[in-house]
Amino acid sequence: MAESTITSKGQTTVPADIRAFIDAKPGTRLVWSVMPDGTIIVRAKTKSILQMAGMLKAPKGKRVRVEAMNPWR
């Protein structure tokens, strides 16, 4: 288990083994979430939604026109 200490300025250092595991580089953003039971989850925010554009390819022969995607028309 890795641990760190919060400084008087509210800062902490992410332990080296954790940084290596998440491949953290300078500028890596961390997202902190507090769960209802008090558990704190910290996730590395490594990609934005814009960086994911084009990752999924449409299956061959399965193209659908935009008009066909609107069920109310």
PDB file of N, CA and C in Angstrom:
ATOM      1  N   MET A   1       0.853  -1.164   0.000  1.00  0.00           N
ATOM      2  CA  MET A   1       0.000   0.000   0.000  1.00  0.00           C
ATOM      3  C   MET A   1       0.903   1.232   0.000  1.00  0.00           C
ATOM      4  N   ALA A   2       0.620   2.159  -0.895  1.00  0.00           N
ATOM      5  CA  ALA A   2       1.378   3.410  -0.982  1.00  0.00           C
ATOM      6  C   ALA A   2       0.663   4.477  -0.169  1.00  0.00           C
ATOM      7  N   GLU A   3       1.437   5.372   0.424  1.00  0.00           N
ATOM      8  CA  GLU A   3       0.817   6.473   1.155  1.00  0.00           C
ATOM      9  C   GLU A   3       1.656   7.725   0.986  1.00  0.00           C
ATOM     10  N   SER A   4       1.010   8.854   1.243  1.00  0.00           N
ATOM     11  CA  SER A   4       1.692  10.141   1.184  1.00  0.00           C
ATOM     12  C   SER A   4       1.121  11.030   2.282  1.00  0.00           C
ATOM     13  N   THR A   5       1.743  12.174   2.476  1.00  0.00           N
ATOM     14  CA  THR A   5       1.338  13.113   3.518  1.00  0.00           C
ATOM     15  C   THR A   5       0.877  14.406   2.877  1.00  0.00           C
ATOM     16  N   ILE A   6      -0.139  15.026   3.445  1.00  0.00           N
ATOM     17  CA  ILE A   6      -0.613  16.330   2.973  1.00  0.00           C
ATOM     18  C   ILE A   6       0.197  17.409   3.690  1.00  0.00           C
ATOM     19  N   THR A   7       0.724  18.351   2.926  1.00  0.00           N
ATOM     20  CA  THR A   7       1.511  19.442   3.506  1.00  0.00           C
ATOM     21  C   THR A   7       0.594  20.516   4.077  1.00  0.00           C
ATOM     22  N   SER A   8       1.190  21.514   4.731  1.00  0.00           N
ATOM     23  CA  SER A   8       0.403  22.615   5.295  1.00  0.00           C
ATOM     24  C   SER A   8      -0.281  23.432   4.208  1.00  0.00           C
ATOM     25  N   LYS A   9       0.217  23.340   2.972  1.00  0.00           N
ATOM     26  CA  LYS A   9      -0.401  24.034   1.836  1.00  0.00           C
ATOM     27  C   LYS A   9      -1.481  23.177   1.169  1.00  0.00           C
ATOM     28  N   GLY A  10      -1.739  21.991   1.705  1.00  0.00           N
ATOM     29  CA  GLY A  10      -2.751  21.111   1.127  1.00  0.00           C
ATOM     30  C   GLY A  10      -2.240  20.298  -0.049  1.00  0.00           C
ATOM     31  N   GLN A  11      -0.940  20.218  -0.216  1.00  0.00           N
ATOM     32  CA  GLN A  11      -0.354  19.483  -1.336  1.00  0.00           C
ATOM     33  C   GLN A  11       0.115  18.110  -0.883  1.00  0.00           C
ATOM     34  N   THR A  12       0.213  17.206  -1.838  1.00  0.00           N
ATOM     35  CA  THR A  12       0.755  15.878  -1.564  1.00  0.00           C
ATOM     36  C   THR A  12       1.517  15.410  -2.795  1.00  0.00           C
ATOM     37  N   THR A  13       2.360  14.431  -2.627  1.00  0.00           N
ATOM     38  CA  THR A  13       3.102  13.843  -3.733  1.00  0.00           C
ATOM     39  C   THR A  13       2.533  12.463  -4.000  1.00  0.00           C
ATOM     40  N   VAL A  14       2.245  12.170  -5.257  1.00  0.00           N
ATOM     41  CA  VAL A  14       1.779  10.833  -5.623  1.00  0.00           C
ATOM     42  C   VAL A  14       3.002   9.923  -5.581  1.00  0.00           C
ATOM     43  N   PRO A  15       2.940   8.830  -4.826  1.00  0.00           N
ATOM     44  CA  PRO A  15       4.099   7.936  -4.723  1.00  0.00           C
ATOM     45  C   PRO A  15       4.590   7.447  -6.085  1.00  0.00           C
ATOM     46  N   ALA A  16       5.898   7.244  -6.180  1.00  0.00           N
ATOM     47  CA  ALA A  16       6.538   6.881  -7.451  1.00  0.00           C
ATOM     48  C   ALA A  16       5.944   5.620  -8.065  1.00  0.00           C
ATOM     49  N   ASP A  17       5.650   4.599  -7.252  1.00  0.00           N
ATOM     50  CA  ASP A  17       5.108   3.358  -7.837  1.00  0.00           C
ATOM     51  C   ASP A  17       3.717   3.577  -8.420  1.00  0.00           C
ATOM     52  N   ILE A  18       2.931   4.462  -7.827  1.00  0.00           N
ATOM     53  CA  ILE A  18       1.603   4.786  -8.367  1.00  0.00           C
ATOM     54  C   ILE A  18       1.753   5.573  -9.664  1.00  0.00           C
ATOM     55  N   ARG A  19       2.662   6.558  -9.678  1.00  0.00           N
ATOM     56  CA  ARG A  19       2.901   7.335 -10.912  1.00  0.00           C
ATOM     57  C   ARG A  19       3.337   6.421 -12.046  1.00  0.00           C
ATOM     58  N   ALA A  20       4.183   5.456 -11.748  1.00  0.00           N
ATOM     59  CA  ALA A  20       4.636   4.519 -12.783  1.00  0.00           C
ATOM     60  C   ALA A  20       3.484   3.648 -13.272  1.00  0.00           C
ATOM     61  N   PHE A  21       2.642   3.188 -12.357  1.00  0.00           N
ATOM     62  CA  PHE A  21       1.528   2.315 -12.724  1.00  0.00           C
ATOM     63  C   PHE A  21       0.553   3.005 -13.661  1.00  0.00           C
ATOM     64  N   ILE A  22       0.266   4.289 -13.412  1.00  0.00           N
ATOM     65  CA  ILE A  22      -0.696   5.011 -14.255  1.00  0.00           C
ATOM     66  C   ILE A  22      -0.008   5.771 -15.380  1.00  0.00           C
ATOM     67  N   ASP A  23       1.307   5.594 -15.506  1.00  0.00           N
ATOM     68  CA  ASP A  23       2.101   6.258 -16.543  1.00  0.00           C
ATOM     69  C   ASP A  23       1.893   7.772 -16.485  1.00  0.00           C
ATOM     70  N   ALA A  24       1.946   8.329 -15.271  1.00  0.00           N
ATOM     71  CA  ALA A  24       1.719   9.759 -15.070  1.00  0.00           C
ATOM     72  C   ALA A  24       2.927  10.561 -15.538  1.00  0.00           C
ATOM     73  N   LYS A  25       2.638  11.615 -16.235  1.00  0.00           N
ATOM     74  CA  LYS A  25       3.652  12.557 -16.714  1.00  0.00           C
ATOM     75  C   LYS A  25       3.305  13.925 -16.121  1.00  0.00           C
ATOM     76  N   PRO A  26       4.237  14.880 -16.168  1.00  0.00           N
ATOM     77  CA  PRO A  26       3.882  16.227 -15.720  1.00  0.00           C
ATOM     78  C   PRO A  26       2.654  16.728 -16.485  1.00  0.00           C
ATOM     79  N   GLY A  27       1.698  17.242 -15.773  1.00  0.00           N
ATOM     80  CA  GLY A  27       0.457  17.720 -16.398  1.00  0.00           C
ATOM     81  C   GLY A  27      -0.680  16.722 -16.324  1.00  0.00           C
ATOM     82  N   THR A  28      -0.414  15.478 -15.889  1.00  0.00           N
ATOM     83  CA  THR A  28      -1.491  14.501 -15.744  1.00  0.00           C
ATOM     84  C   THR A  28      -2.489  15.011 -14.716  1.00  0.00           C
ATOM     85  N   ARG A  29      -3.753  14.998 -15.081  1.00  0.00           N
ATOM     86  CA  ARG A  29      -4.800  15.493 -14.187  1.00  0.00           C
ATOM     87  C   ARG A  29      -5.365  14.324 -13.384  1.00  0.00           C
ATOM     88  N   LEU A  30      -5.659  14.581 -12.116  1.00  0.00           N
ATOM     89  CA  LEU A  30      -6.273  13.586 -11.253  1.00  0.00           C
ATOM     90  C   LEU A  30      -7.688  14.037 -10.911  1.00  0.00           C
ATOM     91  N   VAL A  31      -8.623  13.096 -10.937  1.00  0.00           N
ATOM     92  CA  VAL A  31     -10.022  13.374 -10.606  1.00  0.00           C
ATOM     93  C   VAL A  31     -10.306  12.709  -9.265  1.00  0.00           C
ATOM     94  N   TRP A  32     -10.740  13.503  -8.290  1.00  0.00           N
ATOM     95  CA  TRP A  32     -11.019  13.020  -6.941  1.00  0.00           C
ATOM     96  C   TRP A  32     -12.528  12.902  -6.753  1.00  0.00           C
ATOM     97  N   SER A  33     -12.976  11.762  -6.235  1.00  0.00           N
ATOM     98  CA  SER A  33     -14.396  11.546  -5.974  1.00  0.00           C
ATOM     99  C   SER A  33     -14.563  11.024  -4.553  1.00  0.00           C
ATOM    100  N   VAL A  34     -15.496  11.598  -3.812  1.00  0.00           N
ATOM    101  CA  VAL A  34     -15.814  11.124  -2.463  1.00  0.00           C
ATOM    102  C   VAL A  34     -17.119  10.349  -2.551  1.00  0.00           C
ATOM    103  N   MET A  35     -17.078   9.097  -2.148  1.00  0.00           N
ATOM    104  CA  MET A  35     -18.250   8.231  -2.195  1.00  0.00           C
ATOM    105  C   MET A  35     -19.092   8.449  -0.931  1.00  0.00           C
ATOM    106  N   PRO A  36     -20.376   8.065  -0.961  1.00  0.00           N
ATOM    107  CA  PRO A  36     -21.254   8.269   0.199  1.00  0.00           C
ATOM    108  C   PRO A  36     -20.729   7.637   1.492  1.00  0.00           C
ATOM    109  N   ASP A  37     -19.963   6.543   1.382  1.00  0.00           N
ATOM    110  CA  ASP A  37     -19.446   5.885   2.588  1.00  0.00           C
ATOM    111  C   ASP A  37     -18.134   6.499   3.076  1.00  0.00           C
ATOM    112  N   GLY A  38     -17.662   7.581   2.404  1.00  0.00           N
ATOM    113  CA  GLY A  38     -16.434   8.254   2.811  1.00  0.00           C
ATOM    114  C   GLY A  38     -15.196   7.785   2.075  1.00  0.00           C
ATOM    115  N   THR A  39     -15.323   6.753   1.265  1.00  0.00           N
ATOM    116  CA  THR A  39     -14.204   6.281   0.464  1.00  0.00           C
ATOM    117  C   THR A  39     -13.838   7.348  -0.564  1.00  0.00           C
ATOM    118  N   ILE A  40     -12.551   7.559  -0.773  1.00  0.00           N
ATOM    119  CA  ILE A  40     -12.092   8.524  -1.770  1.00  0.00           C
ATOM    120  C   ILE A  40     -11.474   7.757  -2.925  1.00  0.00           C
ATOM    121  N   ILE A  41     -11.916   8.070  -4.130  1.00  0.00           N
ATOM    122  CA  ILE A  41     -11.397   7.437  -5.341  1.00  0.00           C
ATOM    123  C   ILE A  41     -10.651   8.503  -6.132  1.00  0.00           C
ATOM    124  N   VAL A  42      -9.421   8.185  -6.530  1.00  0.00           N
ATOM    125  CA  VAL A  42      -8.617   9.095  -7.333  1.00  0.00           C
ATOM    126  C   VAL A  42      -8.338   8.392  -8.662  1.00  0.00           C
ATOM    127  N   ARG A  43      -8.733   9.049  -9.765  1.00  0.00           N
ATOM    128  CA  ARG A  43      -8.512   8.493 -11.097  1.00  0.00           C
ATOM    129  C   ARG A  43      -7.604   9.422 -11.880  1.00  0.00           C
ATOM    130  N   ALA A  44      -6.769   8.850 -12.714  1.00  0.00           N
ATOM    131  CA  ALA A  44      -5.964   9.659 -13.619  1.00  0.00           C
ATOM    132  C   ALA A  44      -6.813   9.961 -14.842  1.00  0.00           C
ATOM    133  N   LYS A  45      -6.954  11.230 -15.138  1.00  0.00           N
ATOM    134  CA  LYS A  45      -7.718  11.652 -16.317  1.00  0.00           C
ATOM    135  C   LYS A  45      -6.710  11.761 -17.452  1.00  0.00           C
ATOM    136  N   THR A  46      -6.592  10.689 -18.218  1.00  0.00           N
ATOM    137  CA  THR A  46      -5.530  10.623 -19.219  1.00  0.00           C
ATOM    138  C   THR A  46      -5.955  11.070 -20.607  1.00  0.00           C
ATOM    139  N   LYS A  47      -7.237  10.999 -20.916  1.00  0.00           N
ATOM    140  CA  LYS A  47      -7.688  11.381 -22.250  1.00  0.00           C
ATOM    141  C   LYS A  47      -8.955  12.204 -22.167  1.00  0.00           C
ATOM    142  N   SER A  48      -9.070  13.169 -23.066  1.00  0.00           N
ATOM    143  CA  SER A  48     -10.319  13.917 -23.159  1.00  0.00           C
ATOM    144  C   SER A  48     -11.205  13.219 -24.179  1.00  0.00           C
ATOM    145  N   ILE A  49     -12.452  13.578 -24.202  1.00  0.00           N
ATOM    146  CA  ILE A  49     -13.385  12.982 -25.166  1.00  0.00           C
ATOM    147  C   ILE A  49     -12.964  13.296 -26.596  1.00  0.00           C
ATOM    148  N   LEU A  50     -12.334  14.455 -26.808  1.00  0.00           N
ATOM    149  CA  LEU A  50     -11.892  14.812 -28.151  1.00  0.00           C
ATOM    150  C   LEU A  50     -10.752  13.920 -28.627  1.00  0.00           C
ATOM    151  N   GLN A  51      -9.906  13.460 -27.705  1.00  0.00           N
ATOM    152  CA  GLN A  51      -8.817  12.568 -28.087  1.00  0.00           C
ATOM    153  C   GLN A  51      -9.325  11.185 -28.479  1.00  0.00           C
ATOM    154  N   MET A  52     -10.547  10.861 -28.092  1.00  0.00           N
ATOM    155  CA  MET A  52     -11.107   9.546 -28.407  1.00  0.00           C
ATOM    156  C   MET A  52     -11.830   9.520 -29.748  1.00  0.00           C
ATOM    157  N   ALA A  53     -11.949  10.665 -30.396  1.00  0.00           N
ATOM    158  CA  ALA A  53     -12.642  10.728 -31.682  1.00  0.00           C
ATOM    159  C   ALA A  53     -11.963   9.806 -32.686  1.00  0.00           C
ATOM    160  N   GLY A  54     -12.764   9.007 -33.368  1.00  0.00           N
ATOM    161  CA  GLY A  54     -12.246   8.124 -34.407  1.00  0.00           C
ATOM    162  C   GLY A  54     -11.726   6.796 -33.904  1.00  0.00           C
ATOM    163  N   MET A  55     -11.817   6.531 -32.607  1.00  0.00           N
ATOM    164  CA  MET A  55     -11.308   5.275 -32.068  1.00  0.00           C
ATOM    165  C   MET A  55     -12.151   4.078 -32.501  1.00  0.00           C
ATOM    166  N   LEU A  56     -13.450   4.300 -32.668  1.00  0.00           N
ATOM    167  CA  LEU A  56     -14.341   3.212 -33.050  1.00  0.00           C
ATOM    168  C   LEU A  56     -14.629   3.274 -34.540  1.00  0.00           C
ATOM    169  N   LYS A  57     -14.528   2.168 -35.178  1.00  0.00           N
ATOM    170  CA  LYS A  57     -14.801   2.084 -36.615  1.00  0.00           C
ATOM    171  C   LYS A  57     -16.148   1.408 -36.833  1.00  0.00           C
ATOM    172  N   ALA A  58     -16.886   1.892 -37.813  1.00  0.00           N
ATOM    173  CA  ALA A  58     -18.169   1.279 -38.149  1.00  0.00           C
ATOM    174  C   ALA A  58     -17.918  -0.085 -38.787  1.00  0.00           C
ATOM    175  N   PRO A  59     -18.714  -1.083 -38.425  1.00  0.00           N
ATOM    176  CA  PRO A  59     -18.559  -2.393 -39.064  1.00  0.00           C
ATOM    177  C   PRO A  59     -18.798  -2.268 -40.568  1.00  0.00           C
ATOM    178  N   LYS A  60     -18.049  -3.017 -41.364  1.00  0.00           N
ATOM    179  CA  LYS A  60     -18.195  -2.956 -42.820  1.00  0.00           C
ATOM    180  C   LYS A  60     -19.603  -3.355 -43.233  1.00  0.00           C
ATOM    181  N   GLY A  61     -20.175  -2.570 -44.131  1.00  0.00           N
ATOM    182  CA  GLY A  61     -21.514  -2.861 -44.648  1.00  0.00           C
ATOM    183  C   GLY A  61     -22.632  -2.479 -43.700  1.00  0.00           C
ATOM    184  N   LYS A  62     -22.344  -1.791 -42.622  1.00  0.00           N
ATOM    185  CA  LYS A  62     -23.362  -1.451 -41.636  1.00  0.00           C
ATOM    186  C   LYS A  62     -23.585   0.054 -41.546  1.00  0.00           C
ATOM    187  N   ARG A  63     -23.397   0.782 -42.618  1.00  0.00           N
ATOM    188  CA  ARG A  63     -23.574   2.227 -42.587  1.00  0.00           C
ATOM    189  C   ARG A  63     -25.056   2.579 -42.528  1.00  0.00           C
ATOM    190  N   VAL A  64     -25.369   3.597 -41.744  1.00  0.00           N
ATOM    191  CA  VAL A  64     -26.743   4.041 -41.582  1.00  0.00           C
ATOM    192  C   VAL A  64     -26.784   5.542 -41.829  1.00  0.00           C
ATOM    193  N   ARG A  65     -27.748   5.990 -42.624  1.00  0.00           N
ATOM    194  CA  ARG A  65     -27.892   7.423 -42.866  1.00  0.00           C
ATOM    195  C   ARG A  65     -28.415   8.103 -41.615  1.00  0.00           C
ATOM    196  N   VAL A  66     -28.087   9.367 -41.436  1.00  0.00           N
ATOM    197  CA  VAL A  66     -28.527  10.130 -40.263  1.00  0.00           C
ATOM    198  C   VAL A  66     -30.038  10.126 -40.147  1.00  0.00           C
ATOM    199  N   GLU A  67     -30.724  10.269 -41.268  1.00  0.00           N
ATOM    200  CA  GLU A  67     -32.182  10.284 -41.247  1.00  0.00           C
ATOM    201  C   GLU A  67     -32.744   8.987 -40.662  1.00  0.00           C
ATOM    202  N   ALA A  68     -32.080   7.886 -40.899  1.00  0.00           N
ATOM    203  CA  ALA A  68     -32.550   6.591 -40.387  1.00  0.00           C
ATOM    204  C   ALA A  68     -32.303   6.458 -38.880  1.00  0.00           C
ATOM    205  N   MET A  69     -31.457   7.303 -38.309  1.00  0.00           N
ATOM    206  CA  MET A  69     -31.155   7.252 -36.881  1.00  0.00           C
ATOM    207  C   MET A  69     -32.203   7.972 -36.053  1.00  0.00           C
ATOM    208  N   ASN A  70     -33.043   8.771 -36.668  1.00  0.00           N
ATOM    209  CA  ASN A  70     -34.064   9.538 -35.964  1.00  0.00           C
ATOM    210  C   ASN A  70     -35.367   8.744 -35.960  1.00  0.00           C
ATOM    211  N   PRO A  71     -35.704   8.055 -34.866  1.00  0.00           N
ATOM    212  CA  PRO A  71     -36.875   7.193 -34.858  1.00  0.00           C
ATOM    213  C   PRO A  71     -38.195   7.942 -34.922  1.00  0.00           C
ATOM    214  N   TRP A  72     -38.223   9.225 -34.648  1.00  0.00           N
ATOM    215  CA  TRP A  72     -39.477   9.982 -34.652  1.00  0.00           C
ATOM    216  C   TRP A  72     -39.835  10.487 -36.026  1.00  0.00           C
ATOM    217  N   ARG A  73     -39.029  10.239 -37.035  1.00  0.00           N
ATOM    218  CA  ARG A  73     -39.352  10.674 -38.401  1.00  0.00           C
ATOM    219  C   ARG A  73     -39.808   9.535 -39.254  1.00  0.00           C
TER     220      ARG A  73
END
